[in-house]
Amino acid sequence: MHSPWIAALIALFLWWFATGAILMVVRRADRAGGRAHLWSTLWALPMLGLGMAGIWLTLGSQTPGAVYIAFISALLLWGWVELAFLSGVITGPNARPARASAPEWERFLRAWGTIAYHEVLLVGLLIALWLASAGAANAFGFWTFAVLFFARISAKLNLYLGVRKINTEFLPSPLLHLSSHFRIRQMNWLFPISVTALSFAIACWLERLWVAESAADAVGFALLTALTALALLEHWLMVLPLPDEKLWRWMLPAPKQTRGGDAHGL
């Protein structure tokens, strides 16, 4: 478990498994209908509590085990917020499709309105983790959440500006209006900046991994390197014609209704 290679493989598995688990819960709630989305979010509240507790309890511990716990705790914290978003519980005040003839400034405001509450919550959690982790021996929980936060902001902006491949088949019923705020384009001005920034972040983590003086630091920076590399891969999958949705489609129950159109994932 002290090996950076093992840490990277664990990060890869947790990324795949956590994404699939959230999508499975959301799909089952979609099939159940009614208030199933709300109840699934409430039943998952222990994830939020465990995530907060795990990060808090490991702040002063600089061991490989504590780094793994902090990393997993950040994923639990992030996972609950994403579940609440995909369930339509914490989204934004605008739940209507985009107006095709709207000017760009109105389109941006309406798109922001679809996710405003979710983004404010994420910013609040990021600031809270930053304040709690300042000067701590183990700040890997904060850095894990920060990587997820900035990578997700970048992905959302790229979807808004337009990319070649936008997956919508996993969108649950409470968020079907989101697809109207996306654009299909070969490229946008932000994408090269996004992939460059993520590549630079990977280089920074690798440099920290190379000079790590403890097993805990080696594990932590290996986890961050793998997570950032996965974020970079997710960005490239928005412009490459690869069937990435097959990674999770096989493990999900069939949707309640079959909709036409191309099959894409989130």
Foldseek 3Di string as FASTA:
>chain_A
DLDLVVLLVVLVVCVLVLVLVLLQQLQVLLQVDDCSLVVSLVVLCVLLVQLVVLLLVLQAPQDQVSLVSLLVSLVSNVSSLVSCCLSLNFFFDAQAADDPPDDPVVLVVNLCRGHVRSLVVLVVVLVVLCVSNVVTPHSLSSLSSVLVNVLVVLVVVDQQQAEQADADQSRGPSRNSNNNNGHHDLDDPSLVVSLVVLVVVLVVLVVQLVPPPDSSSVSSSSSSNSSSVVSSVVSVCRNDPDQPVVSNPVVHDDHNDDDDDDHGDD
